Amino acid sequence: MSDDKYDAIVVGAGPAGSSAALTMAENNMSVLLLERGEYPGAKNVFGGTIYCQPTEIICPAFWEEAPLERPVTSEELWLLDNDSAVKIGFTGLRFAKPPYNKFTALRSKFDRWLAEKAKKAGADLVTGTLAKELIYDGGRARNRKAIGVLTENGDRIYSDIVIIAEGVTGNLVETAGLQKKISPDSLTLYVKEVMELPSNKIEERFNLGKDEGAVLGLVGYPSSGAIGKGAIFTNKDSISIMVGAYLNQLIEKGLNPFLLMDRLKKHPLIKRLIEGAKIVEFQAHTIPKGGFGQMPKLFSPGVMVVGDAAAMIVGRRGADLAMLTGKFAGETATQAKAANNFSESLAAYEKKVNSSFFLQDMKAGRKTKDYYRQHPDADFLLTKAANQVAYEYFTVDMVPHHQKIENIIGKVASLQPLPKTIEDIYQGFFHWGVF
């Protein structure tokens, strides 16, 4: 492979990298898709859902062939306290039929499938290979054009364009001078378990029809006072359960994410859902959560940055945004090849991202990180207030109704001022994402 030349090299065969490779290969570009894992998806983790509208733009009617788990018909947000939960949710049965809304999925299966789509379109897929650094025209100066990558095996592979899709833990974006070192308060660390459970038990416990899926977002209790959350996703015959928080919060509070997982699974309401389930897979993953302020420079001569490496995360949405940025980069590379211009023309990629719906959402939620830095107990206090109010409201007692309302207001006010609670709800909307 040493001294080979391609039109484009894509570093990372996750959703972003494979989408870029697929787009370029379909446009007759010679593409090398490099993956450091044993196979695509071997080192990748996500919450557990694939969103249909964005994914179909890249792979029309993908649900007919992709290795998906269940179409999601039920979504709930649980404000979880020690022995209770205030639940907000929606069940929509039309989501169980084409064109669907979203599916639960497992990255080890989905990423493999998407990378194979790129391979069938003409891309060369090479696994077990780490891109160590970029090669520059005339040396390593950061203001020069990138002309390829150097692998850890010493192979020098050349290309007109390099698309960096290595995720947040890679170092190519930083060494290329496109981003400063990421601080712990811009990263979250999540752990995930996949637990085997018969499909009939999943449907019974989550009140689902045959083959329907559910997603539960969990805030408050799961992160034990840190800024974070948990989630449960139903697969065909397994359950994915996650919990995590901001890395700096975990460090400052001395919290171990593995112990947070054990604690969450022992919660009386969660324990009922996973009883008898057998752990078949355990994963951990770092996610960029600095939002709009964490975004690196998206391009430089011969380079574009996509997916997690570009901090493309909004709430729980990440995989679909990664795929869209991969497609944008692939389209830009195709146009750059046609124009034989691999420097200034790459600005078209940034324009595509800037005009996207998700960048508008990232900008709208850019103050959320600062808010949670100032009020790290926001989710905890909001959850406490919601559950105390619920206990008071649903307790059948012997006081007049007006007294019950006064008691409820008093309980909320005893935790924090009412305007602060309202602000917590507003900021939580951006922090939690769509459940």
Protein backbone atom coordinates (compact mmCIF):
# COMPACT_ATOMS: atom_id res chain seq x y z
CA MET A 1 0.00 0.00 0.00
CA SER A 2 3.00 2.31 0.46
CA ASP A 3 3.27 5.16 -2.08
CA ASP A 4 -0.21 4.43 -3.48
CA LYS A 5 -2.14 7.45 -4.84
CA TYR A 6 -5.89 8.07 -4.50
CA ASP A 7 -8.21 10.93 -5.27
CA ALA A 8 -9.25 10.89 -1.60
CA ILE A 9 -8.32 9.22 1.67
CA VAL A 10 -10.96 8.97 4.41
CA VAL A 11 -9.64 8.37 7.92
CA GLY A 12 -12.26 6.49 9.94
CA ALA A 13 -15.01 4.13 8.77
CA GLY A 14 -17.77 5.30 11.08
CA PRO A 15 -21.02 6.82 9.73
CA ALA A 16 -19.26 10.07 8.69
CA GLY A 17 -16.29 8.44 6.97
CA SER A 18 -18.28 5.74 5.19
CA SER A 19 -20.86 8.29 3.99
CA ALA A 20 -18.07 10.44 2.55
CA ALA A 21 -16.42 7.43 0.92
CA LEU A 22 -19.73 6.21 -0.51
CA THR A 23 -20.58 9.64 -1.95
CA MET A 24 -17.19 10.00 -3.64
CA ALA A 25 -17.05 6.41 -4.91
CA GLU A 26 -20.49 6.81 -6.47
CA ASN A 27 -19.05 9.81 -8.33
CA ASN A 28 -16.17 7.79 -9.78
CA MET A 29 -13.46 9.01 -7.43
CA SER A 30 -10.75 6.61 -6.28
CA VAL A 31 -11.16 6.39 -2.51
CA LEU A 32 -9.24 4.74 0.32
CA LEU A 33 -11.28 4.22 3.51
CA LEU A 34 -8.95 3.61 6.47
CA GLU A 35 -10.21 2.09 9.73
CA ARG A 36 -8.03 1.48 12.78
CA GLY A 37 -10.41 -1.14 14.20
CA GLU A 38 -10.49 -4.79 13.26
CA TYR A 39 -13.67 -3.99 11.31
CA PRO A 40 -15.90 -0.90 10.93
CA GLY A 41 -17.91 -0.50 14.13
CA ALA A 42 -15.49 -2.50 16.28
CA LYS A 43 -14.47 0.63 18.23
CA ASN A 44 -17.58 2.74 17.72
CA VAL A 45 -20.35 3.42 20.21
CA PHE A 46 -23.52 5.47 20.05
CA GLY A 47 -26.75 5.70 21.99
CA GLY A 48 -28.61 3.42 19.69
CA THR A 49 -30.76 5.12 17.05
CA ILE A 50 -30.56 5.75 13.31
CA TYR A 51 -32.73 8.64 12.06
CA CYS A 52 -34.57 7.94 8.83
CA GLN A 53 -34.87 11.24 6.96
CA PRO A 54 -31.14 12.12 7.03
CA THR A 55 -30.04 8.52 6.43
CA GLU A 56 -32.34 8.07 3.45
CA ILE A 57 -30.67 11.02 1.73
CA ILE A 58 -27.48 8.96 1.67
CA CYS A 59 -28.99 5.46 1.26
CA PRO A 60 -32.54 5.58 -0.17
CA ALA A 61 -34.93 3.06 1.44
CA PHE A 62 -32.02 1.87 3.62
CA TRP A 63 -34.41 0.06 5.98
CA GLU A 64 -34.99 -2.59 3.32
CA GLU A 65 -31.40 -3.85 3.58
CA ALA A 66 -29.62 -2.30 6.57
CA PRO A 67 -29.12 -4.45 9.72
CA LEU A 68 -31.53 -2.49 11.93
CA GLU A 69 -33.15 -3.54 15.20
CA ARG A 70 -36.62 -2.04 15.82
CA PRO A 71 -38.58 0.95 14.46
CA VAL A 72 -39.06 3.30 17.41
CA THR A 73 -42.71 3.96 18.24
CA SER A 74 -42.38 4.96 21.90
CA GLU A 75 -40.19 7.72 23.39
CA GLU A 76 -40.08 8.69 27.05
CA LEU A 77 -38.09 11.09 29.20
CA TRP A 78 -37.79 9.99 32.82
CA LEU A 79 -36.92 12.49 35.53
CA LEU A 80 -35.59 9.73 37.74
CA ASP A 81 -35.25 9.99 41.53
CA ASN A 82 -34.32 7.38 44.14
CA ASP A 83 -37.63 5.48 44.06
CA SER A 84 -39.78 7.34 41.54
CA ALA A 85 -39.90 8.84 38.06
CA VAL A 86 -41.83 11.64 36.43
CA LYS A 87 -42.39 10.43 32.87
CA ILE A 88 -42.99 12.49 29.74
CA GLY A 89 -43.62 10.49 26.60
CA PHE A 90 -45.25 9.84 23.29
CA THR A 91 -46.28 6.71 21.39
CA GLY A 92 -46.95 7.02 17.67
CA LEU A 93 -47.94 3.82 15.88
CA ARG A 94 -47.52 5.36 12.42
CA PHE A 95 -43.78 5.32 13.16
CA ALA A 96 -43.94 1.52 12.88
CA LYS A 97 -44.57 1.76 9.12
CA PRO A 98 -42.65 3.18 6.14
CA PRO A 99 -41.22 5.76 5.82
CA TYR A 100 -40.63 5.25 9.58
CA ASN A 101 -39.05 7.85 11.88
CA LYS A 102 -36.03 6.16 13.43
CA PHE A 103 -34.68 2.73 14.29
CA THR A 104 -32.66 1.31 17.12
CA ALA A 105 -29.42 -0.16 15.83
CA LEU A 106 -26.07 -1.60 16.90
CA ARG A 107 -22.98 0.11 15.52
CA SER A 108 -21.05 -3.15 15.14
CA LYS A 109 -23.63 -4.19 12.55
CA PHE A 110 -24.67 -0.85 11.01
CA ASP A 111 -21.17 0.56 10.50
CA ARG A 112 -20.04 -2.65 8.85
CA TRP A 113 -22.99 -2.51 6.47
CA LEU A 114 -22.42 1.16 5.54
CA ALA A 115 -18.69 0.61 4.95
CA GLU A 116 -19.55 -2.34 2.72
CA LYS A 117 -21.87 -0.05 0.73
CA ALA A 118 -18.91 2.26 0.12
CA LYS A 119 -16.75 -0.72 -0.82
CA LYS A 120 -19.31 -2.02 -3.30
CA ALA A 121 -19.45 1.45 -4.86
CA GLY A 122 -15.71 1.22 -5.52
CA ALA A 123 -13.89 2.43 -2.38
CA ASP A 124 -10.94 0.44 -1.03
CA LEU A 125 -11.53 -0.48 2.62
CA VAL A 126 -8.45 -1.18 4.75
CA THR A 127 -8.93 -2.10 8.42
CA GLY A 128 -6.51 -2.46 11.31
CA THR A 129 -4.58 0.60 10.09
CA LEU A 130 -4.03 3.83 12.00
CA ALA A 131 -3.31 7.09 10.17
CA LYS A 132 -0.54 8.56 12.32
CA GLU A 133 -0.14 11.97 10.68
CA LEU A 134 -0.82 13.99 7.57
CA ILE A 135 1.77 14.43 4.82
CA TYR A 136 2.18 17.97 3.51
CA ASP A 137 3.39 19.31 0.21
CA GLY A 138 6.89 20.60 0.88
CA GLY A 139 7.06 19.45 4.47
CA ARG A 140 4.97 19.56 7.61
CA ALA A 141 4.18 23.27 7.72
CA ARG A 142 0.54 23.68 8.63
CA ASN A 143 -0.15 26.33 6.00
CA ARG A 144 0.76 23.94 3.18
CA LYS A 145 -1.55 21.54 1.36
CA ALA A 146 -2.06 18.04 2.74
CA ILE A 147 -1.18 15.41 0.15
CA GLY A 148 -1.75 12.16 2.04
CA VAL A 149 -1.26 10.28 5.31
CA LEU A 150 1.52 8.40 7.06
CA THR A 151 0.33 5.22 8.79
CA GLU A 152 1.71 3.73 11.99
CA ASN A 153 3.23 0.99 9.81
CA GLY A 154 5.31 3.58 7.98
CA ASP A 155 3.29 3.49 4.75
CA ARG A 156 2.99 6.79 2.93
CA ILE A 157 -0.30 7.00 1.03
CA TYR A 158 -0.96 9.97 -1.20
CA SER A 159 -4.17 11.72 -2.25
CA ASP A 160 -5.57 15.02 -3.43
CA ILE A 161 -7.88 15.26 -0.40
CA VAL A 162 -7.87 13.82 3.13
CA ILE A 163 -11.19 13.65 5.00
CA ILE A 164 -10.73 13.28 8.75
CA ALA A 165 -13.50 11.20 10.32
CA GLU A 166 -11.53 9.69 13.19
CA GLY A 167 -13.84 10.83 16.00
CA VAL A 168 -13.00 12.98 18.98
CA THR A 169 -10.18 10.78 20.32
CA GLY A 170 -7.96 11.09 17.23
CA ASN A 171 -5.14 13.58 16.92
CA LEU A 172 -5.08 14.51 13.23
CA VAL A 173 -7.37 17.54 13.63
CA GLU A 174 -5.18 18.96 16.39
CA THR A 175 -1.85 18.24 14.69
CA ALA A 176 -3.21 19.78 11.47
CA GLY A 177 -3.65 23.02 13.40
CA LEU A 178 -7.42 23.02 12.93
CA GLN A 179 -8.25 22.78 16.63
CA LYS A 180 -6.65 23.41 20.01
CA LYS A 181 -6.46 20.65 22.59
CA ILE A 182 -9.96 19.77 23.83
CA SER A 183 -10.54 20.39 27.55
CA PRO A 184 -12.34 17.82 29.77
CA ASP A 185 -15.33 20.16 30.19
CA SER A 186 -16.04 19.78 26.46
CA LEU A 187 -16.11 15.96 26.56
CA THR A 188 -18.51 13.43 27.99
CA LEU A 189 -17.63 9.84 28.85
CA TYR A 190 -20.34 7.20 28.47
CA VAL A 191 -20.37 3.51 29.19
CA LYS A 192 -22.78 1.13 27.52
CA GLU A 193 -23.94 -2.44 28.09
CA VAL A 194 -25.85 -4.58 25.61
CA MET A 195 -27.97 -7.06 27.56
CA GLU A 196 -29.55 -10.08 25.94
CA LEU A 197 -33.29 -10.48 26.59
CA PRO A 198 -35.98 -12.42 24.68
CA SER A 199 -38.04 -10.29 22.30
CA ASN A 200 -41.35 -11.21 23.93
CA LYS A 201 -40.11 -9.98 27.32
CA ILE A 202 -38.90 -6.72 25.79
CA GLU A 203 -42.31 -6.12 24.22
CA GLU A 204 -44.12 -7.01 27.44
CA ARG A 205 -41.99 -4.84 29.73
CA PHE A 206 -41.93 -1.79 27.45
CA ASN A 207 -45.58 -2.14 26.36
CA LEU A 208 -44.67 -2.62 22.71
CA GLY A 209 -46.31 -4.38 19.79
CA LYS A 210 -44.37 -7.08 17.94
CA ASP A 211 -41.09 -5.70 16.55
CA GLU A 212 -41.79 -2.17 17.84
CA GLY A 213 -39.07 -0.29 19.69
CA ALA A 214 -38.79 2.13 22.61
CA VAL A 215 -36.25 4.70 23.79
CA LEU A 216 -36.03 6.00 27.35
CA GLY A 217 -34.00 9.09 28.22
CA LEU A 218 -33.04 9.21 31.91
CA VAL A 219 -31.93 12.35 33.79
CA GLY A 220 -31.33 13.12 37.44
CA TYR A 221 -30.51 9.92 39.30
CA PRO A 222 -28.30 8.19 36.66
CA SER A 223 -25.39 10.67 36.80
CA SER A 224 -25.35 10.95 40.61
CA GLY A 225 -25.17 14.74 40.72
CA ALA A 226 -22.87 15.19 37.73
CA ILE A 227 -23.99 16.80 34.46
CA GLY A 228 -25.01 13.79 32.41
CA LYS A 229 -27.78 11.33 31.68
CA GLY A 230 -28.69 7.74 30.98
CA ALA A 231 -30.70 5.97 28.29
CA ILE A 232 -32.24 2.64 27.38
CA PHE A 233 -32.81 1.40 23.82
CA THR A 234 -34.71 -1.77 22.88
CA ASN A 235 -33.17 -3.97 20.19
CA LYS A 236 -34.61 -7.14 18.62
CA ASP A 237 -33.53 -9.46 21.40
CA SER A 238 -31.39 -7.22 23.58
CA ILE A 239 -31.43 -3.95 25.50
CA SER A 240 -28.78 -1.23 25.23
CA ILE A 241 -28.31 0.75 28.44
CA MET A 242 -26.01 3.78 28.74
CA VAL A 243 -24.94 6.25 31.38
CA GLY A 244 -22.33 9.00 31.44
CA ALA A 245 -21.46 12.59 32.24
CA TYR A 246 -19.04 15.40 31.46
CA LEU A 247 -15.49 14.22 31.92
CA ASN A 248 -14.47 17.12 34.17
CA GLN A 249 -17.48 16.44 36.41
CA LEU A 250 -16.60 12.78 36.73
CA ILE A 251 -13.05 13.74 37.70
CA GLU A 252 -14.03 16.50 40.14
CA LYS A 253 -16.70 14.41 41.88
CA GLY A 254 -14.62 11.24 41.91
CA LEU A 255 -17.28 9.30 40.01
CA ASN A 256 -16.56 6.04 38.24
CA PRO A 257 -18.77 5.54 35.14
CA PHE A 258 -18.64 1.76 35.64
CA LEU A 259 -20.05 2.19 39.14
CA LEU A 260 -22.67 4.59 37.80
CA MET A 261 -23.79 1.83 35.44
CA ASP A 262 -24.03 -0.67 38.29
CA ARG A 263 -25.95 1.86 40.38
CA LEU A 264 -28.39 2.62 37.55
CA LYS A 265 -29.12 -1.05 36.93
CA LYS A 266 -29.98 -1.46 40.63
CA HIS A 267 -32.56 1.34 40.59
CA PRO A 268 -35.92 -0.32 41.45
CA LEU A 269 -37.65 0.91 38.28
CA ILE A 270 -34.75 0.04 35.95
CA LYS A 271 -34.22 -3.32 37.62
CA ARG A 272 -37.75 -4.36 36.59
CA LEU A 273 -36.98 -3.65 32.93
CA ILE A 274 -33.70 -5.58 32.76
CA GLU A 275 -34.41 -8.44 35.15
CA GLY A 276 -32.95 -11.70 33.82
CA ALA A 277 -31.02 -9.95 31.04
CA LYS A 278 -27.52 -11.23 30.30
CA ILE A 279 -24.64 -8.86 29.51
CA VAL A 280 -23.17 -9.72 26.11
CA GLU A 281 -21.22 -6.55 25.30
CA PHE A 282 -19.60 -3.69 27.20
CA GLN A 283 -18.29 -0.47 25.63
CA ALA A 284 -17.06 2.99 26.58
CA HIS A 285 -16.93 6.08 24.42
CA THR A 286 -15.91 9.75 24.60
CA ILE A 287 -18.29 12.22 22.95
CA PRO A 288 -17.59 15.87 22.00
CA LYS A 289 -20.15 18.02 23.84
CA GLY A 290 -18.60 21.46 23.64
CA GLY A 291 -21.20 22.45 21.08
CA PHE A 292 -20.78 25.32 18.65
CA GLY A 293 -17.80 26.73 20.53
CA GLN A 294 -15.87 23.47 20.20
CA MET A 295 -16.10 23.20 16.42
CA PRO A 296 -12.69 23.10 14.76
CA LYS A 297 -11.87 24.82 11.50
CA LEU A 298 -13.69 22.56 9.06
CA PHE A 299 -11.19 22.66 6.22
CA SER A 300 -7.69 23.64 5.14
CA PRO A 301 -5.88 23.02 1.83
CA GLY A 302 -6.38 19.33 1.05
CA VAL A 303 -8.30 18.57 4.30
CA MET A 304 -11.92 18.42 5.53
CA VAL A 305 -13.17 17.42 8.99
CA VAL A 306 -16.47 15.57 9.50
CA GLY A 307 -18.60 13.90 12.18
CA ASP A 308 -17.48 13.71 15.81
CA ALA A 309 -14.06 15.05 14.80
CA ALA A 310 -15.93 18.24 13.81
CA ALA A 311 -18.00 18.21 17.07
CA MET A 312 -21.22 17.60 15.14
CA ILE A 313 -23.45 16.70 18.09
CA VAL A 314 -26.84 18.21 18.97
CA GLY A 315 -28.53 16.71 22.02
CA ARG A 316 -28.76 12.98 21.32
CA ARG A 317 -28.30 13.45 17.58
CA GLY A 318 -24.85 12.53 16.35
CA ALA A 319 -24.80 9.59 13.92
CA ASP A 320 -27.13 11.27 11.42
CA LEU A 321 -25.24 14.56 11.58
CA ALA A 322 -22.02 12.64 11.04
CA MET A 323 -23.49 11.03 7.92
CA LEU A 324 -24.72 14.36 6.58
CA THR A 325 -21.35 16.06 7.07
CA GLY A 326 -19.73 13.06 5.40
CA LYS A 327 -22.03 13.48 2.43
CA PHE A 328 -21.35 17.24 2.30
CA ALA A 329 -17.60 16.59 2.31
CA GLY A 330 -17.94 13.89 -0.34
CA GLU A 331 -19.91 16.23 -2.62
CA THR A 332 -17.37 19.01 -2.09
CA ALA A 333 -14.50 16.65 -2.92
CA THR A 334 -16.26 15.60 -6.13
CA GLN A 335 -16.63 19.24 -7.17
CA ALA A 336 -13.01 19.96 -6.20
CA LYS A 337 -11.82 17.13 -8.43
CA ALA A 338 -13.87 18.43 -11.35
CA ALA A 339 -12.35 21.87 -10.87
CA ASN A 340 -8.89 20.45 -10.11
CA ASN A 341 -8.81 22.76 -7.10
CA PHE A 342 -8.27 21.14 -3.71
CA SER A 343 -7.66 24.26 -1.64
CA GLU A 344 -10.01 27.27 -1.98
CA SER A 345 -12.85 25.15 -3.38
CA LEU A 346 -13.10 23.23 -0.10
CA ALA A 347 -14.73 26.31 1.43
CA ALA A 348 -17.92 24.99 -0.19
CA TYR A 349 -18.01 22.30 2.51
CA GLU A 350 -18.07 24.89 5.28
CA LYS A 351 -20.87 26.74 3.48
CA LYS A 352 -22.93 23.55 3.33
CA VAL A 353 -22.49 22.99 7.07
CA ASN A 354 -23.21 26.63 7.90
CA SER A 355 -26.51 26.51 6.00
CA SER A 356 -27.63 23.23 7.61
CA PHE A 357 -30.49 22.87 10.10
CA PHE A 358 -28.22 21.30 12.69
CA LEU A 359 -25.78 24.21 12.81
CA GLN A 360 -28.74 26.46 13.58
CA ASP A 361 -29.56 24.16 16.48
CA MET A 362 -25.95 24.16 17.65
CA LYS A 363 -25.93 27.95 17.66
CA ALA A 364 -29.27 28.10 19.48
CA GLY A 365 -27.94 25.83 22.24
CA ARG A 366 -24.45 27.29 22.50
CA LYS A 367 -25.11 28.91 25.89
CA THR A 368 -26.23 25.65 27.47
CA LYS A 369 -22.69 24.55 28.29
CA ASP A 370 -22.00 27.84 30.08
CA TYR A 371 -25.28 27.54 31.97
CA TYR A 372 -24.45 24.05 33.23
CA ARG A 373 -20.95 25.18 34.15
CA GLN A 374 -22.52 27.82 36.38
CA HIS A 375 -25.32 25.55 37.62
CA PRO A 376 -24.00 21.97 37.64
CA ASP A 377 -26.85 20.86 39.92
CA ALA A 378 -29.60 22.00 37.52
CA ASP A 379 -30.77 18.55 36.41
CA PHE A 380 -30.52 17.16 39.95
CA LEU A 381 -32.63 19.96 41.48
CA LEU A 382 -35.16 19.90 38.66
CA THR A 383 -35.60 16.14 39.03
CA LYS A 384 -35.95 16.43 42.81
CA ALA A 385 -38.55 19.16 42.44
CA ALA A 386 -40.55 17.24 39.83
CA ASN A 387 -40.68 14.07 41.93
CA GLN A 388 -41.52 15.87 45.16
CA VAL A 389 -44.34 17.70 43.40
CA ALA A 390 -45.61 14.44 41.91
CA TYR A 391 -45.58 12.67 45.29
CA GLU A 392 -47.45 15.58 46.85
CA TYR A 393 -49.97 15.82 44.01
CA PHE A 394 -50.77 12.12 43.76
CA THR A 395 -50.90 11.45 47.50
CA VAL A 396 -54.54 10.98 48.51
CA ASP A 397 -54.77 12.94 51.75
CA MET A 398 -57.27 14.87 53.85
CA VAL A 399 -56.39 18.52 53.16
CA PRO A 400 -58.27 21.01 51.01
CA HIS A 401 -57.17 21.35 47.40
CA HIS A 402 -55.87 24.92 47.87
CA GLN A 403 -53.69 23.69 50.74
CA LYS A 404 -52.27 20.92 48.52
CA ILE A 405 -51.34 23.50 45.87
CA GLU A 406 -49.67 25.69 48.51
CA ASN A 407 -47.74 22.66 49.74
CA ILE A 408 -46.56 21.93 46.20
CA ILE A 409 -45.41 25.52 45.64
CA GLY A 410 -43.65 25.43 49.00
CA LYS A 411 -41.74 22.25 48.12
CA VAL A 412 -40.51 23.72 44.83
CA ALA A 413 -39.56 27.02 46.45
CA SER A 414 -37.65 25.22 49.20
CA LEU A 415 -35.25 23.78 46.60
CA GLN A 416 -34.64 26.93 44.53
CA PRO A 417 -36.43 30.06 43.25
CA LEU A 418 -39.19 29.42 40.72
CA PRO A 419 -37.54 31.49 37.90
CA LYS A 420 -34.42 29.30 38.26
CA THR A 421 -36.56 26.15 37.88
CA ILE A 422 -38.11 27.57 34.71
CA GLU A 423 -34.64 28.38 33.35
CA ASP A 424 -33.49 24.83 34.22
CA ILE A 425 -36.34 23.44 32.12
CA TYR A 426 -35.43 25.68 29.19
CA GLN A 427 -31.74 24.79 29.30
CA GLY A 428 -32.58 21.14 29.83
CA PHE A 429 -34.45 21.14 26.53
CA PHE A 430 -31.16 21.79 24.72
CA HIS A 431 -29.05 19.60 26.99
CA TRP A 432 -31.27 16.51 26.88
CA GLY A 433 -32.08 16.73 23.19
CA VAL A 434 -35.23 15.08 21.88
CA PHE A 435 -35.69 12.86 24.95
